[in-house]
Amino acid sequence: MTSRSCTILIGALLVLSAAPASAQTPADPGAAANVRQSGQYERALHSNSSFRAQRIKKECGPINDPQLHQQCVDSFQSEGAPSSTKHRQQ
């Protein structure tokens, strides 16, 4: 067997042997923590009116355009859906 053939064979074996190891890698713990934190944020946003008011002030306060400001405020309504559709463009 030539050295080139040996190199190709060894490379192929390395690739094949690495595939099962990467398939067994556990899920990203950072992603799971992000999902948990997002759920906590959503629960706080919907259950704590003071927290919701603080977030509205922080995120919507700097918006000067009245229509965009109202759309921002509407986006904080329960279940994340705007309370009215009069500001939506069809």
N, C-alpha and C. Protein backbone atom coordinates (compact mmCIF):
# COMPACT_ATOMS: atom_id res chain seq x y z
N MET A 1 0.85 -1.17 0.00
CA MET A 1 0.00 0.00 0.00
C MET A 1 0.90 1.23 0.00
N THR A 2 0.57 2.21 -0.82
CA THR A 2 1.39 3.42 -0.88
C THR A 2 1.10 4.32 0.31
N SER A 3 1.99 5.25 0.55
CA SER A 3 1.80 6.15 1.70
C SER A 3 0.57 7.05 1.51
N ARG A 4 0.28 7.39 0.27
CA ARG A 4 -0.92 8.21 -0.01
C ARG A 4 -2.18 7.42 0.31
N SER A 5 -2.22 6.17 -0.06
CA SER A 5 -3.38 5.32 0.23
C SER A 5 -3.55 5.13 1.73
N CYS A 6 -2.43 4.96 2.43
CA CYS A 6 -2.49 4.80 3.88
C CYS A 6 -3.04 6.08 4.54
N THR A 7 -2.60 7.22 4.04
CA THR A 7 -3.06 8.50 4.60
C THR A 7 -4.56 8.67 4.39
N ILE A 8 -5.04 8.34 3.22
CA ILE A 8 -6.47 8.45 2.92
C ILE A 8 -7.26 7.46 3.80
N LEU A 9 -6.77 6.25 3.94
CA LEU A 9 -7.43 5.24 4.76
C LEU A 9 -7.48 5.69 6.22
N ILE A 10 -6.39 6.19 6.74
CA ILE A 10 -6.35 6.64 8.14
C ILE A 10 -7.29 7.83 8.33
N GLY A 11 -7.30 8.75 7.37
CA GLY A 11 -8.20 9.90 7.45
C GLY A 11 -9.66 9.47 7.47
N ALA A 12 -10.00 8.52 6.62
CA ALA A 12 -11.38 8.02 6.57
C ALA A 12 -11.76 7.35 7.89
N LEU A 13 -10.86 6.56 8.45
CA LEU A 13 -11.13 5.90 9.73
C LEU A 13 -11.30 6.91 10.86
N LEU A 14 -10.50 7.95 10.84
CA LEU A 14 -10.63 8.99 11.87
C LEU A 14 -11.98 9.69 11.78
N VAL A 15 -12.40 9.99 10.58
CA VAL A 15 -13.70 10.65 10.39
C VAL A 15 -14.82 9.74 10.87
N LEU A 16 -14.77 8.49 10.50
CA LEU A 16 -15.82 7.55 10.89
C LEU A 16 -15.85 7.31 12.40
N SER A 17 -14.69 7.27 13.03
CA SER A 17 -14.66 7.02 14.46
C SER A 17 -15.06 8.24 15.27
N ALA A 18 -14.92 9.44 14.71
CA ALA A 18 -15.27 10.67 15.42
C ALA A 18 -16.78 10.92 15.39
N ALA A 19 -17.49 10.44 14.41
CA ALA A 19 -18.92 10.70 14.27
C ALA A 19 -19.74 10.22 15.48
N PRO A 20 -19.55 8.99 15.97
CA PRO A 20 -20.34 8.57 17.13
C PRO A 20 -20.04 9.39 18.38
N ALA A 21 -18.81 9.83 18.56
CA ALA A 21 -18.46 10.62 19.73
C ALA A 21 -19.18 11.96 19.72
N SER A 22 -19.26 12.58 18.56
CA SER A 22 -19.94 13.87 18.50
C SER A 22 -21.45 13.71 18.64
N ALA A 23 -21.99 12.56 18.27
CA ALA A 23 -23.42 12.32 18.41
C ALA A 23 -23.81 12.16 19.88
N GLN A 24 -22.86 11.80 20.73
CA GLN A 24 -23.14 11.59 22.14
C GLN A 24 -22.92 12.84 22.98
N THR A 25 -22.52 13.94 22.38
CA THR A 25 -22.28 15.17 23.11
C THR A 25 -23.61 15.67 23.69
N PRO A 26 -23.65 15.98 25.00
CA PRO A 26 -24.90 16.45 25.60
C PRO A 26 -25.32 17.81 25.03
N ALA A 27 -26.58 18.12 25.17
CA ALA A 27 -27.11 19.39 24.68
C ALA A 27 -26.39 20.54 25.38
N ASP A 28 -26.34 21.67 24.73
CA ASP A 28 -25.67 22.86 25.26
C ASP A 28 -26.35 23.31 26.55
N PRO A 29 -25.66 23.27 27.68
CA PRO A 29 -26.28 23.69 28.94
C PRO A 29 -26.65 25.17 28.93
N GLY A 30 -25.94 25.97 28.16
CA GLY A 30 -26.28 27.39 28.05
C GLY A 30 -27.64 27.59 27.39
N ALA A 31 -27.96 26.76 26.42
CA ALA A 31 -29.25 26.86 25.74
C ALA A 31 -30.38 26.51 26.70
N ALA A 32 -30.19 25.47 27.51
CA ALA A 32 -31.22 25.09 28.48
C ALA A 32 -31.43 26.19 29.51
N ALA A 33 -30.34 26.81 29.95
CA ALA A 33 -30.45 27.91 30.92
C ALA A 33 -31.18 29.09 30.29
N ASN A 34 -30.92 29.35 29.02
CA ASN A 34 -31.59 30.45 28.32
C ASN A 34 -33.09 30.20 28.25
N VAL A 35 -33.50 28.98 27.98
CA VAL A 35 -34.92 28.63 27.91
C VAL A 35 -35.57 28.84 29.28
N ARG A 36 -34.88 28.40 30.35
CA ARG A 36 -35.41 28.58 31.71
C ARG A 36 -35.56 30.07 32.04
N GLN A 37 -34.54 30.85 31.72
CA GLN A 37 -34.58 32.28 32.02
C GLN A 37 -35.66 33.00 31.22
N SER A 38 -35.87 32.59 29.98
CA SER A 38 -36.92 33.19 29.16
C SER A 38 -38.29 32.91 29.76
N GLY A 39 -38.49 31.69 30.25
CA GLY A 39 -39.75 31.34 30.88
C GLY A 39 -39.99 32.14 32.14
N GLN A 40 -38.94 32.32 32.94
CA GLN A 40 -39.05 33.12 34.16
C GLN A 40 -39.40 34.57 33.83
N TYR A 41 -38.78 35.12 32.79
CA TYR A 41 -39.06 36.48 32.36
C TYR A 41 -40.52 36.61 31.93
N GLU A 42 -40.98 35.69 31.12
CA GLU A 42 -42.37 35.74 30.64
C GLU A 42 -43.36 35.64 31.80
N ARG A 43 -43.10 34.74 32.76
CA ARG A 43 -43.99 34.61 33.92
C ARG A 43 -44.02 35.90 34.73
N ALA A 44 -42.85 36.49 34.95
CA ALA A 44 -42.79 37.75 35.69
C ALA A 44 -43.50 38.87 34.94
N LEU A 45 -43.32 38.91 33.65
CA LEU A 45 -43.95 39.94 32.82
C LEU A 45 -45.47 39.86 32.89
N HIS A 46 -46.01 38.65 32.91
CA HIS A 46 -47.47 38.47 32.91
C HIS A 46 -48.08 38.51 34.30
N SER A 47 -47.31 38.20 35.33
CA SER A 47 -47.90 38.12 36.66
C SER A 47 -47.56 39.31 37.56
N ASN A 48 -46.57 40.09 37.22
CA ASN A 48 -46.13 41.18 38.08
C ASN A 48 -46.29 42.51 37.34
N SER A 49 -47.33 43.26 37.69
CA SER A 49 -47.63 44.50 36.96
C SER A 49 -46.53 45.55 37.15
N SER A 50 -45.87 45.57 38.31
CA SER A 50 -44.78 46.52 38.53
C SER A 50 -43.60 46.21 37.61
N PHE A 51 -43.28 44.93 37.48
CA PHE A 51 -42.20 44.51 36.59
C PHE A 51 -42.53 44.87 35.15
N ARG A 52 -43.80 44.59 34.75
CA ARG A 52 -44.23 44.90 33.38
C ARG A 52 -44.14 46.41 33.13
N ALA A 53 -44.59 47.23 34.07
CA ALA A 53 -44.53 48.69 33.91
C ALA A 53 -43.09 49.17 33.78
N GLN A 54 -42.20 48.58 34.56
CA GLN A 54 -40.78 48.94 34.50
C GLN A 54 -40.21 48.60 33.12
N ARG A 55 -40.54 47.41 32.60
CA ARG A 55 -40.03 47.00 31.28
C ARG A 55 -40.62 47.89 30.18
N ILE A 56 -41.90 48.24 30.29
CA ILE A 56 -42.52 49.12 29.29
C ILE A 56 -41.82 50.47 29.30
N LYS A 57 -41.58 51.01 30.49
CA LYS A 57 -40.91 52.30 30.59
C LYS A 57 -39.51 52.24 29.98
N LYS A 58 -38.79 51.17 30.29
CA LYS A 58 -37.41 51.04 29.79
C LYS A 58 -37.36 50.84 28.28
N GLU A 59 -38.24 49.99 27.76
CA GLU A 59 -38.16 49.64 26.34
C GLU A 59 -38.96 50.57 25.43
N CYS A 60 -40.07 51.10 25.94
CA CYS A 60 -40.93 51.94 25.10
C CYS A 60 -40.74 53.43 25.35
N GLY A 61 -40.23 53.79 26.52
CA GLY A 61 -40.07 55.19 26.88
C GLY A 61 -39.29 56.02 25.88
N PRO A 62 -38.18 55.53 25.35
CA PRO A 62 -37.40 56.34 24.41
C PRO A 62 -38.04 56.52 23.02
N ILE A 63 -39.12 55.82 22.74
CA ILE A 63 -39.74 55.89 21.41
C ILE A 63 -40.59 57.15 21.34
N ASN A 64 -40.25 58.06 20.43
CA ASN A 64 -40.93 59.35 20.32
C ASN A 64 -42.17 59.32 19.43
N ASP A 65 -42.17 58.47 18.44
CA ASP A 65 -43.32 58.40 17.53
C ASP A 65 -44.51 57.80 18.27
N PRO A 66 -45.66 58.51 18.33
CA PRO A 66 -46.80 58.02 19.11
C PRO A 66 -47.31 56.64 18.68
N GLN A 67 -47.37 56.42 17.39
CA GLN A 67 -47.87 55.13 16.90
C GLN A 67 -46.91 53.99 17.26
N LEU A 68 -45.63 54.20 17.07
CA LEU A 68 -44.65 53.17 17.41
C LEU A 68 -44.60 52.95 18.93
N HIS A 69 -44.74 54.02 19.70
CA HIS A 69 -44.75 53.89 21.15
C HIS A 69 -45.93 53.04 21.59
N GLN A 70 -47.11 53.29 21.01
CA GLN A 70 -48.30 52.51 21.37
C GLN A 70 -48.15 51.05 20.96
N GLN A 71 -47.55 50.80 19.81
CA GLN A 71 -47.32 49.42 19.39
C GLN A 71 -46.38 48.71 20.36
N CYS A 72 -45.38 49.43 20.84
CA CYS A 72 -44.46 48.85 21.82
C CYS A 72 -45.20 48.51 23.10
N VAL A 73 -46.01 49.44 23.60
CA VAL A 73 -46.79 49.20 24.82
C VAL A 73 -47.74 48.03 24.60
N ASP A 74 -48.39 48.00 23.46
CA ASP A 74 -49.33 46.91 23.15
C ASP A 74 -48.64 45.55 23.15
N SER A 75 -47.37 45.52 22.77
CA SER A 75 -46.66 44.25 22.69
C SER A 75 -46.44 43.62 24.07
N PHE A 76 -46.64 44.40 25.14
CA PHE A 76 -46.47 43.88 26.49
C PHE A 76 -47.77 43.36 27.10
N GLN A 77 -48.84 43.39 26.35
CA GLN A 77 -50.11 42.90 26.87
C GLN A 77 -50.04 41.40 27.09
N SER A 78 -50.95 40.87 27.89
CA SER A 78 -50.97 39.45 28.23
C SER A 78 -50.87 38.57 26.99
N GLU A 79 -50.13 37.49 27.14
CA GLU A 79 -49.86 36.52 26.07
C GLU A 79 -49.05 37.11 24.93
N GLY A 80 -48.51 38.32 25.11
CA GLY A 80 -47.64 38.92 24.10
C GLY A 80 -48.38 39.45 22.89
N ALA A 81 -49.71 39.40 22.89
CA ALA A 81 -50.47 39.87 21.74
C ALA A 81 -50.90 41.32 21.97
N PRO A 82 -50.87 42.14 20.95
CA PRO A 82 -51.34 43.52 21.09
C PRO A 82 -52.80 43.55 21.52
N SER A 83 -53.17 44.55 22.35
CA SER A 83 -54.54 44.62 22.86
C SER A 83 -55.52 45.10 21.81
N SER A 84 -55.03 45.82 20.81
CA SER A 84 -55.92 46.27 19.75
C SER A 84 -55.19 46.14 18.42
N THR A 85 -55.97 46.10 17.36
CA THR A 85 -55.36 45.97 16.03
C THR A 85 -55.47 47.27 15.24
N LYS A 86 -55.97 48.34 15.87
CA LYS A 86 -56.15 49.58 15.12
C LYS A 86 -54.83 50.18 14.67
N HIS A 87 -53.74 49.84 15.37
CA HIS A 87 -52.44 50.39 14.99
C HIS A 87 -51.69 49.52 14.01
N ARG A 88 -52.18 48.32 13.80
CA ARG A 88 -51.50 47.43 12.86
C ARG A 88 -51.82 47.83 11.44
N GLN A 89 -50.82 47.72 10.60
CA GLN A 89 -51.06 47.96 9.18
C GLN A 89 -51.35 46.64 8.52
N GLN A 90 -52.38 46.59 7.76
CA GLN A 90 -52.81 45.36 7.09
C GLN A 90 -52.09 45.18 5.79
